[in-house]
Structure formats: C-alpha cells, structure tokens
C-alpha cells in the first residue's frame, strides 16, 4: 500500500510558506502519480477521455433531453447572493 500525498493547505499563510519552501528547494512538491502503477494510470486516462462522449452515444434522444432539462433546471434554480 502506498502513502497518500498530503493535501494542499487551505490557509493562505501556510500555502504561501509551502510555495516558498518548494521554490527554494527546502521541500519538494508531491507528484500525484508517485507510487502508482503507470499502466493503471494510463488506463484511467483512456477511460476518462472517452467517458462523456461514450455515454452520450448510448443514450436515447429522450434520455439526453431529460438529463439536459434536469441540468438546466438545477442551473437556473440556484439562489443568487445579493
């Protein structure tokens, strides 16, 4: 089992310090693919590249219309902050 890379910091001061440390060489930036099987990473990329397009091709026009209407309703029903 491989260790997960630490998450990026959310606090602005901590993030700034981390950026300075990485740029000066005091710390190293984590590679998100470090410790992963390169073949598995490539397979994941292939699936991700064709996912939405392949799904759209298998849907009927009625299903696509229903999904589009639901998405439009969700977009337009969001509250606007004053």
C-alpha atoms as a PDB file:
ATOM      1  CA  UNK A   1       0.000   0.000   0.000  1.00  0.00           C
ATOM      2  CA  UNK A   2       1.375   3.434  -0.907  1.00  0.00           C
ATOM      3  CA  UNK A   3       1.098   6.527   1.248  1.00  0.00           C
ATOM      4  CA  UNK A   4      -1.169   9.284   0.022  1.00  0.00           C
ATOM      5  CA  UNK A   5       0.371  12.624  -0.809  1.00  0.00           C
ATOM      6  CA  UNK A   6      -0.521  15.349   1.686  1.00  0.00           C
ATOM      7  CA  UNK A   7      -3.353  17.615   0.644  1.00  0.00           C
ATOM      8  CA  UNK A   8      -2.645  21.187  -0.299  1.00  0.00           C
ATOM      9  CA  UNK A   9      -3.070  23.599   2.579  1.00  0.00           C
ATOM     10  CA  UNK A  10      -6.165  25.798   2.685  1.00  0.00           C
ATOM     11  CA  UNK A  11      -4.831  28.545   4.954  1.00  0.00           C
ATOM     12  CA  UNK A  12      -3.304  31.305   2.805  1.00  0.00           C
ATOM     13  CA  UNK A  13      -0.257  31.779   5.064  1.00  0.00           C
ATOM     14  CA  UNK A  14       0.527  28.072   5.210  1.00  0.00           C
ATOM     15  CA  UNK A  15       0.064  27.753   1.454  1.00  0.00           C
ATOM     16  CA  UNK A  16       2.399  30.728   0.858  1.00  0.00           C
ATOM     17  CA  UNK A  17       5.070  29.150   3.080  1.00  0.00           C
ATOM     18  CA  UNK A  18       4.702  25.825   1.282  1.00  0.00           C
ATOM     19  CA  UNK A  19       5.113  27.540  -2.102  1.00  0.00           C
ATOM     20  CA  UNK A  20       8.256  29.343  -0.898  1.00  0.00           C
ATOM     21  CA  UNK A  21       9.656  26.090   0.529  1.00  0.00           C
ATOM     22  CA  UNK A  22       9.054  24.253  -2.746  1.00  0.00           C
ATOM     23  CA  UNK A  23      10.523  27.060  -4.873  1.00  0.00           C
ATOM     24  CA  UNK A  24      13.644  27.362  -2.691  1.00  0.00           C
ATOM     25  CA  UNK A  25      14.191  23.616  -2.518  1.00  0.00           C
ATOM     26  CA  UNK A  26      13.508  23.310   1.236  1.00  0.00           C
ATOM     27  CA  UNK A  27      10.611  20.980   0.454  1.00  0.00           C
ATOM     28  CA  UNK A  28       9.646  19.059  -2.634  1.00  0.00           C
ATOM     29  CA  UNK A  29       6.337  19.184  -4.474  1.00  0.00           C
ATOM     30  CA  UNK A  30       4.442  15.904  -4.405  1.00  0.00           C
ATOM     31  CA  UNK A  31       3.933  14.074  -7.696  1.00  0.00           C
ATOM     32  CA  UNK A  32       0.275  12.957  -7.774  1.00  0.00           C
ATOM     33  CA  UNK A  33       1.252   9.787  -9.689  1.00  0.00           C
ATOM     34  CA  UNK A  34       4.174   8.829  -7.451  1.00  0.00           C
ATOM     35  CA  UNK A  35       3.915   5.215  -6.295  1.00  0.00           C
ATOM     36  CA  UNK A  36       1.142   4.344  -8.743  1.00  0.00           C
ATOM     37  CA  UNK A  37       1.289   1.727 -11.433  1.00  0.00           C
ATOM     38  CA  UNK A  38       1.944   3.607 -14.720  1.00  0.00           C
ATOM     39  CA  UNK A  39      -0.146   1.104 -16.695  1.00  0.00           C
ATOM     40  CA  UNK A  40      -3.127   1.642 -14.387  1.00  0.00           C
ATOM     41  CA  UNK A  41      -2.745   5.430 -14.632  1.00  0.00           C
ATOM     42  CA  UNK A  42      -2.771   5.215 -18.434  1.00  0.00           C
ATOM     43  CA  UNK A  43      -5.876   3.018 -18.431  1.00  0.00           C
ATOM     44  CA  UNK A  44      -7.632   5.534 -16.185  1.00  0.00           C
ATOM     45  CA  UNK A  45      -6.745   8.366 -18.530  1.00  0.00           C
ATOM     46  CA  UNK A  46      -8.108   6.477 -21.524  1.00  0.00           C
ATOM     47  CA  UNK A  47     -11.424   5.830 -19.805  1.00  0.00           C
ATOM     48  CA  UNK A  48     -11.703   9.422 -18.628  1.00  0.00           C
ATOM     49  CA  UNK A  49     -11.095  10.833 -22.083  1.00  0.00           C
ATOM     50  CA  UNK A  50     -13.959   8.927 -23.675  1.00  0.00           C
ATOM     51  CA  UNK A  51     -16.412   8.771 -20.751  1.00  0.00           C
ATOM     52  CA  UNK A  52     -18.940  11.506 -21.504  1.00  0.00           C
ATOM     53  CA  UNK A  53     -18.866  11.029 -25.233  1.00  0.00           C
ATOM     54  CA  UNK A  54     -19.345   7.261 -24.953  1.00  0.00           C
ATOM     55  CA  UNK A  55     -22.217   7.748 -22.506  1.00  0.00           C
ATOM     56  CA  UNK A  56     -23.931  10.254 -24.800  1.00  0.00           C
ATOM     57  CA  UNK A  57     -23.730   7.832 -27.709  1.00  0.00           C
ATOM     58  CA  UNK A  58     -25.538   5.112 -25.738  1.00  0.00           C
ATOM     59  CA  UNK A  59     -28.404   7.346 -24.556  1.00  0.00           C
ATOM     60  CA  UNK A  60     -31.615   7.752 -26.487  1.00  0.00           C
ATOM     61  CA  UNK A  61     -32.625  11.279 -27.569  1.00  0.00           C
ATOM     62  CA  UNK A  62     -35.378  11.203 -24.914  1.00  0.00           C
ATOM     63  CA  UNK A  63     -32.876  10.327 -22.174  1.00  0.00           C
ATOM     64  CA  UNK A  64     -30.475  13.064 -23.285  1.00  0.00           C
ATOM     65  CA  UNK A  65     -33.333  15.577 -23.317  1.00  0.00           C
ATOM     66  CA  UNK A  66     -34.430  14.561 -19.816  1.00  0.00           C
ATOM     67  CA  UNK A  67     -30.865  14.904 -18.479  1.00  0.00           C
ATOM     68  CA  UNK A  68     -30.434  18.294 -20.180  1.00  0.00           C
ATOM     69  CA  UNK A  69     -33.713  19.604 -18.752  1.00  0.00           C
ATOM     70  CA  UNK A  70     -32.727  18.464 -15.253  1.00  0.00           C
ATOM     71  CA  UNK A  71     -29.323  20.174 -15.599  1.00  0.00           C
ATOM     72  CA  UNK A  72     -30.873  23.413 -16.875  1.00  0.00           C
ATOM     73  CA  UNK A  73     -33.370  23.410 -14.006  1.00  0.00           C
ATOM     74  CA  UNK A  74     -30.541  22.919 -11.497  1.00  0.00           C
ATOM     75  CA  UNK A  75     -28.511  25.777 -13.047  1.00  0.00           C
ATOM     76  CA  UNK A  76     -31.377  28.229 -13.170  1.00  0.00           C
ATOM     77  CA  UNK A  77     -32.822  27.407  -9.746  1.00  0.00           C
ATOM     78  CA  UNK A  78     -29.680  28.387  -7.816  1.00  0.00           C
ATOM     79  CA  UNK A  79     -30.106  31.277  -5.392  1.00  0.00           C
ATOM     80  CA  UNK A  80     -28.249  34.423  -6.322  1.00  0.00           C
ATOM     81  CA  UNK A  81     -26.337  36.066  -3.468  1.00  0.00           C
ATOM     82  CA  UNK A  82     -27.147  39.742  -3.070  1.00  0.00           C
END
